[in-house]
N, C-alpha and C. Protein backbone atom coordinates (compact mmCIF):
# COMPACT_ATOMS: atom_id res chain seq x y z
N MET A 1 -22.54 7.73 -41.21
CA MET A 1 -21.71 8.57 -40.38
C MET A 1 -21.23 9.73 -41.27
N PRO A 2 -21.32 10.97 -40.73
CA PRO A 2 -20.87 12.11 -41.53
C PRO A 2 -19.39 11.98 -41.89
N ALA A 3 -19.02 12.55 -43.01
CA ALA A 3 -17.64 12.43 -43.50
C ALA A 3 -16.63 13.10 -42.58
N ARG A 4 -17.07 14.10 -41.83
CA ARG A 4 -16.12 14.81 -40.97
C ARG A 4 -15.78 14.04 -39.70
N TRP A 5 -16.47 12.98 -39.43
CA TRP A 5 -16.22 12.18 -38.23
C TRP A 5 -15.37 10.98 -38.59
N ALA A 6 -14.37 10.74 -37.84
CA ALA A 6 -13.54 9.56 -38.05
C ALA A 6 -13.99 8.49 -37.06
N PRO A 7 -13.95 7.25 -37.48
CA PRO A 7 -14.31 6.19 -36.53
C PRO A 7 -13.32 6.16 -35.36
N LEU A 8 -13.83 5.82 -34.21
CA LEU A 8 -12.97 5.74 -33.03
C LEU A 8 -12.03 4.56 -33.15
N LYS A 9 -10.79 4.78 -32.80
CA LYS A 9 -9.81 3.70 -32.79
C LYS A 9 -9.42 3.47 -31.34
N PRO A 10 -9.26 2.23 -30.97
CA PRO A 10 -8.82 2.00 -29.60
C PRO A 10 -7.43 2.58 -29.38
N ARG A 11 -7.24 3.18 -28.23
CA ARG A 11 -5.94 3.76 -27.91
C ARG A 11 -5.02 2.65 -27.41
N VAL A 12 -3.87 2.59 -28.00
CA VAL A 12 -2.87 1.61 -27.56
C VAL A 12 -1.87 2.37 -26.70
N ASP A 13 -1.75 1.93 -25.47
CA ASP A 13 -0.86 2.59 -24.53
C ASP A 13 0.29 1.65 -24.22
N ASP A 14 1.49 2.15 -24.27
CA ASP A 14 2.65 1.28 -24.05
C ASP A 14 3.01 1.14 -22.58
N THR A 15 2.23 1.78 -21.70
CA THR A 15 2.51 1.62 -20.27
C THR A 15 1.91 0.32 -19.79
N PRO A 16 2.57 -0.34 -18.86
CA PRO A 16 2.05 -1.62 -18.39
C PRO A 16 0.76 -1.45 -17.61
N ALA A 17 -0.12 -2.39 -17.79
CA ALA A 17 -1.35 -2.39 -17.00
C ALA A 17 -1.03 -2.99 -15.64
N VAL A 18 -1.26 -2.22 -14.62
CA VAL A 18 -0.93 -2.67 -13.27
C VAL A 18 -2.17 -2.57 -12.42
N VAL A 19 -2.57 -3.67 -11.87
CA VAL A 19 -3.69 -3.66 -10.96
C VAL A 19 -3.22 -4.36 -9.69
N VAL A 20 -3.18 -3.60 -8.62
CA VAL A 20 -2.72 -4.14 -7.35
C VAL A 20 -3.82 -3.93 -6.34
N ALA A 21 -4.45 -5.00 -5.95
CA ALA A 21 -5.48 -4.90 -4.94
C ALA A 21 -4.85 -4.53 -3.61
N ALA A 22 -5.58 -3.76 -2.82
CA ALA A 22 -5.06 -3.35 -1.51
C ALA A 22 -4.73 -4.57 -0.67
N SER A 23 -5.45 -5.67 -0.86
CA SER A 23 -5.19 -6.88 -0.08
C SER A 23 -3.85 -7.53 -0.46
N ALA A 24 -3.31 -7.18 -1.64
CA ALA A 24 -2.04 -7.75 -2.07
C ALA A 24 -0.85 -6.99 -1.48
N VAL A 25 -1.13 -5.89 -0.81
CA VAL A 25 -0.08 -5.07 -0.22
C VAL A 25 0.45 -5.77 1.03
N PRO A 26 1.77 -5.88 1.16
CA PRO A 26 2.32 -6.50 2.38
C PRO A 26 1.85 -5.78 3.64
N ASP A 27 1.80 -6.48 4.74
CA ASP A 27 1.30 -5.91 5.99
C ASP A 27 2.19 -4.80 6.51
N TRP A 28 3.48 -5.04 6.55
CA TRP A 28 4.44 -4.07 7.05
C TRP A 28 3.96 -3.47 8.37
N ALA A 29 3.50 -4.33 9.28
CA ALA A 29 2.94 -3.87 10.56
C ALA A 29 3.91 -3.02 11.35
N GLU A 30 5.20 -3.31 11.20
CA GLU A 30 6.20 -2.57 11.97
C GLU A 30 6.50 -1.19 11.40
N LEU A 31 6.01 -0.89 10.20
CA LEU A 31 6.25 0.42 9.61
C LEU A 31 5.16 1.40 10.05
N PRO A 32 5.56 2.62 10.42
CA PRO A 32 4.59 3.60 10.91
C PRO A 32 3.84 4.30 9.77
N LEU A 33 3.09 3.52 9.00
CA LEU A 33 2.41 4.04 7.83
C LEU A 33 0.92 3.74 7.88
N THR A 34 0.13 4.61 7.26
CA THR A 34 -1.30 4.36 7.11
C THR A 34 -1.48 3.29 6.04
N PRO A 35 -2.66 2.68 5.97
CA PRO A 35 -2.90 1.70 4.90
C PRO A 35 -2.67 2.29 3.50
N ARG A 36 -3.07 3.54 3.27
CA ARG A 36 -2.86 4.17 1.96
C ARG A 36 -1.37 4.36 1.68
N GLN A 37 -0.63 4.78 2.70
CA GLN A 37 0.81 4.95 2.53
C GLN A 37 1.49 3.62 2.24
N LYS A 38 1.01 2.55 2.86
CA LYS A 38 1.57 1.21 2.58
C LYS A 38 1.28 0.81 1.14
N HIS A 39 0.09 1.16 0.65
CA HIS A 39 -0.25 0.85 -0.73
C HIS A 39 0.67 1.62 -1.68
N VAL A 40 0.89 2.90 -1.39
CA VAL A 40 1.80 3.71 -2.21
C VAL A 40 3.21 3.12 -2.16
N LEU A 41 3.66 2.75 -0.97
CA LEU A 41 4.99 2.15 -0.84
C LEU A 41 5.08 0.86 -1.65
N HIS A 42 4.04 0.05 -1.61
CA HIS A 42 4.04 -1.19 -2.39
C HIS A 42 4.18 -0.88 -3.88
N LEU A 43 3.47 0.13 -4.35
CA LEU A 43 3.56 0.50 -5.76
C LEU A 43 4.95 1.05 -6.09
N LEU A 44 5.56 1.74 -5.13
CA LEU A 44 6.95 2.19 -5.32
C LEU A 44 7.88 1.00 -5.46
N THR A 45 7.65 -0.05 -4.67
CA THR A 45 8.50 -1.24 -4.77
C THR A 45 8.35 -1.94 -6.11
N GLN A 46 7.23 -1.68 -6.79
CA GLN A 46 7.01 -2.25 -8.12
C GLN A 46 7.64 -1.40 -9.21
N GLY A 47 8.22 -0.26 -8.82
CA GLY A 47 8.90 0.61 -9.78
C GLY A 47 7.99 1.57 -10.53
N LEU A 48 6.78 1.78 -10.04
CA LEU A 48 5.85 2.66 -10.74
C LEU A 48 6.22 4.13 -10.55
N SER A 49 5.97 4.89 -11.58
CA SER A 49 6.17 6.35 -11.52
C SER A 49 4.98 6.98 -10.79
N ASN A 50 5.12 8.24 -10.44
CA ASN A 50 4.01 8.94 -9.80
C ASN A 50 2.77 8.93 -10.70
N LYS A 51 2.97 9.08 -11.99
CA LYS A 51 1.85 9.09 -12.93
C LYS A 51 1.11 7.75 -12.92
N LEU A 52 1.85 6.66 -12.93
CA LEU A 52 1.21 5.34 -12.92
C LEU A 52 0.57 5.04 -11.57
N ILE A 53 1.19 5.50 -10.48
CA ILE A 53 0.58 5.32 -9.16
C ILE A 53 -0.73 6.10 -9.11
N ALA A 54 -0.73 7.32 -9.63
CA ALA A 54 -1.95 8.13 -9.65
C ALA A 54 -3.05 7.43 -10.43
N ARG A 55 -2.69 6.86 -11.56
CA ARG A 55 -3.68 6.14 -12.37
C ARG A 55 -4.22 4.94 -11.60
N GLU A 56 -3.34 4.21 -10.95
CA GLU A 56 -3.73 3.02 -10.19
C GLU A 56 -4.67 3.37 -9.04
N LEU A 57 -4.37 4.47 -8.34
CA LEU A 57 -5.15 4.84 -7.16
C LEU A 57 -6.35 5.72 -7.51
N GLY A 58 -6.40 6.23 -8.72
CA GLY A 58 -7.50 7.10 -9.10
C GLY A 58 -7.42 8.47 -8.45
N VAL A 59 -6.19 8.97 -8.29
CA VAL A 59 -5.97 10.28 -7.68
C VAL A 59 -5.05 11.09 -8.59
N SER A 60 -4.83 12.35 -8.23
CA SER A 60 -3.95 13.20 -9.04
C SER A 60 -2.48 12.89 -8.74
N VAL A 61 -1.64 13.29 -9.66
CA VAL A 61 -0.19 13.13 -9.47
C VAL A 61 0.26 13.94 -8.25
N ASP A 62 -0.33 15.11 -8.04
CA ASP A 62 0.03 15.92 -6.87
C ASP A 62 -0.31 15.19 -5.58
N THR A 63 -1.43 14.48 -5.55
CA THR A 63 -1.79 13.71 -4.36
C THR A 63 -0.78 12.59 -4.13
N VAL A 64 -0.35 11.95 -5.20
CA VAL A 64 0.67 10.90 -5.08
C VAL A 64 1.96 11.50 -4.52
N LYS A 65 2.34 12.66 -5.01
CA LYS A 65 3.55 13.31 -4.50
C LYS A 65 3.44 13.56 -3.00
N ASP A 66 2.25 13.97 -2.55
CA ASP A 66 2.03 14.18 -1.12
C ASP A 66 2.17 12.87 -0.35
N HIS A 67 1.59 11.79 -0.89
CA HIS A 67 1.69 10.48 -0.24
C HIS A 67 3.14 10.01 -0.17
N VAL A 68 3.86 10.16 -1.28
CA VAL A 68 5.27 9.74 -1.31
C VAL A 68 6.07 10.54 -0.29
N ALA A 69 5.84 11.84 -0.22
CA ALA A 69 6.55 12.67 0.75
C ALA A 69 6.25 12.22 2.18
N ALA A 70 4.99 11.85 2.44
CA ALA A 70 4.62 11.38 3.78
C ALA A 70 5.29 10.05 4.10
N VAL A 71 5.39 9.17 3.11
CA VAL A 71 6.06 7.88 3.30
C VAL A 71 7.54 8.11 3.62
N LEU A 72 8.18 8.96 2.85
CA LEU A 72 9.60 9.23 3.08
C LEU A 72 9.83 9.80 4.48
N LYS A 73 8.98 10.73 4.87
CA LYS A 73 9.12 11.34 6.20
C LYS A 73 8.91 10.31 7.30
N ALA A 74 7.86 9.49 7.16
CA ALA A 74 7.55 8.48 8.18
C ALA A 74 8.68 7.46 8.32
N LEU A 75 9.33 7.14 7.22
CA LEU A 75 10.41 6.15 7.24
C LEU A 75 11.76 6.79 7.56
N GLY A 76 11.81 8.11 7.59
CA GLY A 76 13.06 8.79 7.89
C GLY A 76 14.10 8.65 6.80
N VAL A 77 13.63 8.63 5.56
CA VAL A 77 14.53 8.50 4.41
C VAL A 77 14.34 9.70 3.50
N SER A 78 15.26 9.84 2.53
CA SER A 78 15.19 11.01 1.67
C SER A 78 14.97 10.69 0.19
N SER A 79 14.78 9.43 -0.14
CA SER A 79 14.55 9.09 -1.55
C SER A 79 13.61 7.89 -1.66
N ARG A 80 13.03 7.76 -2.84
CA ARG A 80 12.16 6.62 -3.12
C ARG A 80 12.94 5.32 -3.01
N THR A 81 14.18 5.35 -3.49
CA THR A 81 15.02 4.15 -3.44
C THR A 81 15.25 3.71 -2.01
N GLN A 82 15.55 4.65 -1.13
CA GLN A 82 15.75 4.32 0.28
C GLN A 82 14.47 3.77 0.90
N ALA A 83 13.32 4.29 0.50
CA ALA A 83 12.05 3.79 1.01
C ALA A 83 11.82 2.35 0.58
N VAL A 84 12.14 2.05 -0.67
CA VAL A 84 11.99 0.68 -1.18
C VAL A 84 12.93 -0.27 -0.44
N VAL A 85 14.16 0.16 -0.21
CA VAL A 85 15.12 -0.68 0.52
C VAL A 85 14.60 -0.93 1.94
N ALA A 86 14.08 0.09 2.59
CA ALA A 86 13.53 -0.07 3.95
C ALA A 86 12.38 -1.06 3.94
N ALA A 87 11.52 -0.98 2.94
CA ALA A 87 10.38 -1.90 2.84
C ALA A 87 10.87 -3.33 2.62
N GLN A 88 11.85 -3.50 1.75
CA GLN A 88 12.36 -4.84 1.47
C GLN A 88 13.04 -5.45 2.68
N ARG A 89 13.70 -4.64 3.48
CA ARG A 89 14.36 -5.15 4.69
C ARG A 89 13.35 -5.68 5.70
N THR A 90 12.18 -5.09 5.76
CA THR A 90 11.17 -5.54 6.72
C THR A 90 10.51 -6.83 6.28
N GLN A 91 10.63 -7.18 5.01
CA GLN A 91 10.01 -8.41 4.51
C GLN A 91 10.89 -9.63 4.73
N ARG A 92 12.10 -9.46 5.18
CA ARG A 92 13.01 -10.59 5.34
C ARG A 92 12.84 -11.23 6.68
């Protein structure tokens, strides 16, 4: 190996590895959300940031922001916290 090349080192990331299958998302049949919006809401209930949600879904952070805005509008709430509370209330 040429001297100017350094061997690759595995990247250690301190963010949690989160894998949430779409089938693990609660049904939330009574919520007026698309399946994708329900998946985003589920990830919000797990406390994930937009960046981690984007990584999980394989989309851009801007796309996640659009999904979150759509979830908030559909639920008639103004914050992520209120959306999570609304989701938790439907699970009881």
